[in-house]
Protein backbone atom coordinates (compact mmCIF):
# COMPACT_ATOMS: atom_id res chain seq x y z
CA MET A 1 73.50 94.25 6.91
CA GLU A 2 71.81 97.89 7.13
CA LYS A 3 72.74 99.58 10.58
CA ARG A 4 70.32 99.85 12.56
CA PRO A 5 69.66 103.82 13.32
CA THR A 6 70.57 105.40 16.81
CA ILE A 7 69.29 107.57 19.11
CA GLN A 8 72.16 109.66 17.89
CA ASP A 9 71.07 109.41 14.31
CA VAL A 10 67.27 111.13 15.56
CA ALA A 11 69.31 113.51 17.51
CA ASP A 12 71.63 114.55 14.52
CA MET A 13 68.63 114.71 11.87
CA ALA A 14 66.72 116.71 13.96
CA GLY A 15 69.28 119.01 15.13
CA VAL A 16 68.97 118.27 18.96
CA ALA A 17 70.87 117.20 22.30
CA LYS A 18 70.60 113.41 22.63
CA SER A 19 69.51 113.97 25.77
CA THR A 20 66.68 115.95 24.39
CA VAL A 21 65.68 112.77 22.30
CA SER A 22 65.71 110.80 25.30
CA ARG A 23 63.31 113.25 27.13
CA TYR A 24 61.00 113.10 24.54
CA LEU A 25 61.07 109.11 24.30
CA ASN A 26 60.55 109.22 27.98
CA GLY A 27 57.59 111.53 27.71
CA LYS A 28 59.11 114.77 29.14
CA PRO A 29 58.55 118.04 28.31
CA VAL A 30 60.34 119.38 25.08
CA GLN A 31 60.05 122.69 23.27
CA GLU A 32 57.13 122.11 20.62
CA GLU A 33 59.76 122.72 17.26
CA SER A 34 62.17 120.35 18.93
CA GLY A 35 59.47 118.07 19.28
CA ARG A 36 58.35 118.18 15.81
CA ARG A 37 61.62 118.22 14.44
CA ILE A 38 62.31 114.49 16.36
CA ARG A 39 58.74 113.39 15.30
CA GLN A 40 59.97 113.53 11.98
CA ALA A 41 63.28 112.45 12.59
CA ILE A 42 61.75 109.51 14.16
CA GLU A 43 59.44 108.80 11.26
CA HIS A 44 62.75 109.01 8.23
CA TYR A 45 65.16 106.33 10.30
CA ASN A 46 61.48 104.49 11.70
CA TYR A 47 63.34 104.46 15.07
CA GLU A 48 62.59 102.14 17.39
CA ALA A 49 63.90 102.88 21.10
CA ASN A 50 65.21 100.24 22.89
CA VAL A 51 62.36 99.23 25.73
CA PHE A 52 65.24 97.75 28.41
CA ALA A 53 66.93 101.19 27.97
CA ARG A 54 64.03 103.00 29.24
CA LEU A 55 63.62 101.28 32.72
CA SER A 56 65.97 103.83 33.97
CA ALA A 57 64.34 106.71 33.16
CA LYS A 58 61.58 107.96 35.96
CA GLN A 59 58.53 106.53 33.67
CA SER A 60 59.15 103.84 31.72
CA HIS A 61 56.14 103.52 29.78
CA ILE A 62 56.79 100.11 30.98
CA ILE A 63 53.86 97.71 32.90
CA GLY A 64 54.96 94.22 34.39
CA ILE A 65 52.36 91.40 34.14
CA ILE A 66 52.60 88.67 36.23
CA LEU A 67 51.37 85.23 35.26
CA PRO A 68 50.68 81.98 36.62
CA GLY A 69 50.98 80.15 33.33
CA LEU A 70 49.78 80.14 29.89
CA ASP A 71 48.14 76.38 29.95
CA SER A 72 44.58 77.96 30.64
CA THR A 73 41.86 78.58 28.27
CA VAL A 74 41.34 82.09 29.36
CA THR A 75 44.43 83.69 30.15
CA PRO A 76 45.64 83.83 26.79
CA ARG A 77 42.61 85.86 26.15
CA MET A 78 43.51 88.61 28.81
CA LEU A 79 47.06 88.49 28.11
CA THR A 80 45.89 89.56 24.46
CA ALA A 81 43.36 91.73 25.47
CA MET A 82 45.77 93.53 28.33
CA ASP A 83 48.65 93.91 25.49
CA LYS A 84 46.20 95.70 23.28
CA TYR A 85 45.18 98.33 25.63
CA LEU A 86 48.16 98.99 26.97
CA ARG A 87 50.12 99.62 23.24
CA ALA A 88 47.01 101.75 22.47
CA LYS A 89 47.68 103.95 25.44
CA ASP A 90 51.80 103.81 24.63
CA TYR A 91 52.77 101.40 27.53
CA THR A 92 54.63 98.39 26.64
CA PRO A 93 53.98 95.03 28.80
CA LEU A 94 56.65 92.94 30.12
CA ILE A 95 55.72 89.55 30.91
CA ILE A 96 56.46 87.21 34.06
CA ASN A 97 55.11 83.89 33.47
CA THR A 98 55.81 81.79 36.56
CA ALA A 99 54.38 78.14 35.66
CA GLY A 100 52.64 78.34 39.22
CA ASP A 101 55.56 78.85 41.16
CA LEU A 102 54.49 81.29 43.70
CA ASP A 103 57.74 81.78 45.32
CA PHE A 104 59.08 83.02 41.81
CA GLU A 105 56.05 84.96 41.98
CA VAL A 106 55.65 86.85 44.53
CA ARG A 107 59.86 87.84 44.03
CA SER A 108 58.30 88.95 40.64
CA ILE A 109 56.97 91.67 42.66
CA GLY A 110 60.01 93.21 43.64
CA ASP A 111 62.09 92.63 40.67
CA LEU A 112 60.01 94.40 38.57
CA ALA A 113 59.79 97.30 40.37
CA ARG A 114 63.74 97.25 40.60
CA MET A 115 63.45 97.53 37.24
CA ARG A 116 61.71 100.78 37.27
CA VAL A 117 58.29 99.38 35.72
CA ASP A 118 55.36 101.94 36.15
CA GLY A 119 53.07 99.23 37.46
CA ILE A 120 52.00 95.80 37.82
CA ILE A 121 48.73 93.40 37.10
CA LEU A 122 49.16 90.19 38.87
CA VAL A 123 47.09 87.35 37.73
CA ALA A 124 46.81 85.48 40.66
CA SER A 125 45.73 81.94 41.95
CA TYR A 126 46.16 82.30 45.39
CA ILE A 127 47.61 84.92 47.33
CA THR A 128 49.43 84.29 50.70
CA PRO A 129 50.96 86.43 53.29
CA ALA A 130 54.12 87.47 51.42
CA HIS A 131 52.40 88.05 48.50
CA CYS A 132 51.04 91.26 50.62
CA LYS A 133 54.26 91.97 52.21
CA ALA A 134 56.10 92.09 48.48
CA VAL A 135 53.29 94.57 47.61
CA GLU A 136 53.94 97.30 50.76
CA LYS A 137 57.81 97.14 50.15
CA VAL A 138 57.04 98.21 46.12
CA GLN A 139 55.88 102.28 45.67
CA LEU A 140 54.21 101.70 42.48
CA PRO A 141 50.34 100.38 41.62
CA VAL A 142 50.09 96.94 42.08
CA VAL A 143 46.37 95.22 40.91
CA PHE A 144 45.40 92.21 41.38
CA THR A 145 42.83 90.15 39.30
CA GLY A 146 41.88 86.24 39.90
CA GLN A 147 41.74 86.47 43.49
CA GLU A 148 40.79 89.41 45.92
CA PHE A 149 43.80 91.01 47.45
CA GLY A 150 42.77 92.35 50.40
CA GLY A 151 45.09 94.89 50.94
CA GLY A 152 45.05 96.46 47.92
CA ILE A 153 42.97 96.90 44.62
CA SER A 154 41.29 93.56 42.65
CA VAL A 155 39.77 93.32 39.50
CA LEU A 156 37.47 90.33 39.78
CA ASP A 157 34.60 87.84 38.02
CA ASP A 158 31.32 87.83 40.21
CA ASN A 159 31.69 84.64 41.11
CA LEU A 160 29.09 84.63 43.50
CA ALA A 161 26.32 85.90 41.66
CA ALA A 162 27.57 83.95 38.69
CA GLY A 163 27.08 80.76 41.16
CA GLU A 164 23.83 81.64 42.23
CA GLU A 165 22.76 82.46 38.84
CA LEU A 166 23.30 78.69 37.64
CA GLY A 167 22.11 77.14 41.09
CA ARG A 168 19.19 78.63 41.19
CA TYR A 169 18.13 77.83 37.21
CA VAL A 170 19.27 73.66 37.97
CA ALA A 171 16.47 73.91 40.68
CA ALA A 172 13.92 75.62 38.32
CA ARG A 173 14.70 72.36 36.01
CA GLY A 174 13.03 70.65 38.65
CA LEU A 175 16.37 68.33 39.51
CA ARG A 176 16.61 67.42 42.88
CA SER A 177 20.15 65.83 43.37
CA ALA A 178 23.12 67.62 42.71
CA GLY A 179 26.89 66.66 42.65
CA LEU A 180 29.80 69.43 43.03
CA LEU A 181 32.88 68.94 41.12
CA TRP A 182 34.76 70.91 42.89
CA VAL A 183 38.30 72.47 43.59
CA THR A 184 39.86 73.00 46.78
CA GLU A 185 38.81 76.28 48.48
CA ASP A 186 42.40 76.96 49.03
CA ASP A 187 41.41 79.17 45.76
CA VAL A 188 39.09 81.41 47.46
CA ALA A 189 37.68 82.81 44.17
CA VAL A 190 36.11 79.61 42.38
CA GLY A 191 37.25 76.89 45.15
CA LEU A 192 35.06 79.19 47.71
CA ARG A 193 33.07 81.90 46.33
CA ARG A 194 31.79 80.25 43.51
CA LYS A 195 30.67 77.07 45.28
CA GLU A 196 28.88 79.50 47.84
CA GLY A 197 27.02 80.85 45.21
CA VAL A 198 26.03 77.48 43.93
CA LEU A 199 24.85 76.62 46.79
CA ARG A 200 22.77 79.44 47.57
CA GLY A 201 21.19 79.45 44.39
CA LEU A 202 20.32 75.77 45.01
CA THR A 203 18.80 75.97 48.27
CA ALA A 204 17.39 78.48 47.09
CA GLY A 205 15.35 76.60 44.69
CA GLY A 206 14.61 74.02 46.84
CA VAL A 207 17.51 71.09 46.30
CA THR A 208 18.95 70.00 49.49
CA ASP A 209 20.50 66.72 48.33
CA VAL A 210 23.96 68.19 47.31
CA ARG A 211 27.12 66.40 46.95
CA ASN A 212 30.78 67.49 46.97
CA TYR A 213 33.83 65.37 44.90
CA LEU A 214 37.25 67.13 45.20
CA ALA A 215 38.67 67.17 41.57
CA ASP A 216 41.38 70.13 40.34
CA PHE A 217 41.51 72.02 37.58
CA THR A 218 43.26 69.38 34.86
CA TYR A 219 40.85 67.72 32.49
CA GLN A 220 42.72 64.36 33.39
CA THR A 221 41.54 64.36 37.19
CA ALA A 222 38.08 65.43 36.41
CA TYR A 223 37.83 62.27 34.22
CA THR A 224 39.16 60.42 36.97
CA VAL A 225 36.25 61.78 39.76
CA ALA A 226 33.74 61.39 37.08
CA ARG A 227 34.10 57.98 36.24
CA ARG A 228 33.94 57.10 39.78
CA VAL A 229 31.13 58.89 40.30
CA LEU A 230 28.58 58.36 37.56
CA GLN A 231 29.51 54.23 38.44
CA GLN A 232 27.50 54.79 41.51
CA PRO A 233 24.11 53.17 41.83
CA ASP A 234 22.99 56.51 43.80
CA ARG A 235 24.76 59.38 40.91
CA PRO A 236 23.25 62.51 41.33
CA GLN A 237 21.45 63.62 38.81
CA ILE A 238 23.72 66.44 37.49
CA LEU A 239 26.85 67.19 38.02
CA LEU A 240 27.94 71.04 38.65
CA CYS A 241 31.50 71.67 37.12
CA ALA A 242 33.79 74.21 38.76
CA THR A 243 34.52 74.84 34.79
CA ASP A 244 34.45 74.26 31.69
CA ARG A 245 37.61 72.20 31.56
CA ILE A 246 36.28 69.53 34.21
CA ALA A 247 32.82 68.91 32.52
CA TYR A 248 35.36 68.51 29.66
CA GLY A 249 36.53 65.31 31.96
CA VAL A 250 32.80 64.54 32.64
CA TYR A 251 31.86 64.50 29.34
CA LYS A 252 34.22 61.81 28.50
CA ALA A 253 33.61 59.46 31.10
CA ALA A 254 29.98 59.61 30.21
CA ARG A 255 30.84 58.67 26.72
CA GLU A 256 32.63 55.57 27.68
CA LEU A 257 30.29 54.65 30.41
CA GLY A 258 27.49 54.55 27.75
CA LEU A 259 25.95 57.26 29.84
CA ARG A 260 23.90 60.04 27.51
CA ILE A 261 23.88 63.43 28.36
CA PRO A 262 21.72 64.72 29.61
CA GLN A 263 19.01 61.98 29.72
CA ASP A 264 21.27 60.30 32.10
CA ILE A 265 23.16 62.83 33.44
CA SER A 266 23.44 66.53 33.37
CA VAL A 267 26.57 68.28 33.11
CA THR A 268 27.11 72.26 33.78
CA GLY A 269 30.32 74.29 33.90
CA PHE A 270 31.95 77.54 34.04
CA GLY A 271 33.67 79.76 31.91
CA GLY A 272 31.79 79.85 28.58
CA TYR A 273 34.73 78.80 26.58
CA ASP A 274 34.26 78.61 22.20
CA THR A 275 35.16 74.77 22.19
CA SER A 276 32.11 74.01 24.98
CA GLU A 277 29.71 75.11 22.24
CA LEU A 278 31.25 72.32 19.74
CA LEU A 279 30.43 69.59 22.54
CA THR A 280 27.20 67.24 21.59
CA PRO A 281 25.19 68.32 23.63
CA PRO A 282 26.27 71.93 24.09
CA LEU A 283 27.53 72.45 27.84
CA THR A 284 25.70 75.06 29.84
CA SER A 285 27.60 77.57 31.46
CA ILE A 286 28.52 80.93 32.56
CA ARG A 287 30.95 82.89 30.38
CA PHE A 288 33.14 85.11 32.16
CA ASP A 289 34.43 88.88 30.13
CA ALA A 290 37.78 87.75 30.47
CA GLU A 291 38.82 90.42 27.51
CA ALA A 292 36.62 93.34 29.46
CA GLU A 293 38.28 92.05 32.92
CA ALA A 294 42.06 92.40 31.14
CA CYS A 295 41.08 95.77 30.19
CA ILE A 296 39.52 97.34 33.15
CA CYS A 297 42.78 95.91 34.97
CA ALA A 298 45.13 97.92 32.64
CA ASP A 299 42.83 100.69 32.84
CA THR A 300 42.85 100.61 36.56
CA VAL A 301 46.82 100.90 36.76
CA LEU A 302 47.04 103.48 33.95
CA ARG A 303 44.65 105.72 36.64
CA MET A 304 46.69 104.87 39.50
CA LEU A 305 49.56 105.91 37.97
CA ARG A 306 47.79 109.53 37.53
CA GLY A 307 46.71 109.78 40.84
CA GLU A 308 43.04 108.87 40.36
CA PRO A 309 40.77 107.25 42.66
CA VAL A 310 39.75 103.21 41.93
CA SER A 311 37.63 101.19 43.32
CA LYS A 312 39.13 98.55 45.55
CA ALA A 313 37.17 95.68 44.01
CA GLN A 314 35.79 96.32 41.09
CA LEU A 315 33.38 93.33 40.17
CA ILE A 316 33.21 92.19 35.73
CA GLY A 317 29.77 90.72 34.78
CA TYR A 318 29.13 87.46 33.00
CA ARG A 319 26.66 85.79 30.92
CA PHE A 320 24.81 82.75 31.11
CA VAL A 321 25.30 80.46 28.52
CA GLU A 322 22.07 77.82 28.08
CA GLY A 323 23.48 74.68 25.98
CA GLY A 324 21.57 71.09 25.78
CA SER A 325 23.44 69.75 28.47
CA VAL A 326 20.68 69.70 31.56
CA LEU A 327 17.26 67.80 31.42
């Protein structure tokens, strides 16, 4: 097996000390001529520095990313965009998947700080007092997305405005009874803010018959609840779903019960996933710009590292996607 080049090999070829190469790799100043020779040696050997060896440096050029899971439609899109953006800026992402374990999520903030990452991006489902305490203890930039972090910096979907636009649209279609197939208000962004926006829009359009049905983010639960609701003789004219995935459960339940969308029941979602356009009929939804949100998160944490001012809360735009699922 061919011997892997070392930092000493690079130093020998460049005619500099090993410590000089280390300084160069960690973004610290070196003499211009030394830097030129080091670059040539790196290219010659196709040398790649050990990422974890940089963790002891003053600036590691590593950004920690904490995720609640990889099983959603949006998270992989965000992660891909963050990775691309950070690498273009010569930063390496270090990803921790907590699988929804909030205690582990909180511990990960401190763990990453002890590993000397330069900053942290946390994709949050919930924010607890423990999160606030953990962020207070670490002396580095932390950016939250998914939920608003009152004690720091957040990048957020504009759930209130998006919900209101969808609610107004439904009311304008002449539908007068609506059911909200929603998630618990413990999820402030989706369960509370998004729902508040929908209710504002419906009320503004004169829709007063609004019923609430509790589900969660899983397709199976949505299907079970939707099947029960759709068999009620006085079912609402439309089911507005907190996410596209929940709407998929309604589609399945309606199909099994012999109900037509939108003739017998109208349906809307939030997410605007590509797969939603493949439904029959395509789902009317709100598409949030997950890629833009991810890039703004990455840009914000790097701006904080440079000491530049950043907004406490940045709202990401959305696009209304009119499918064929509303009568």
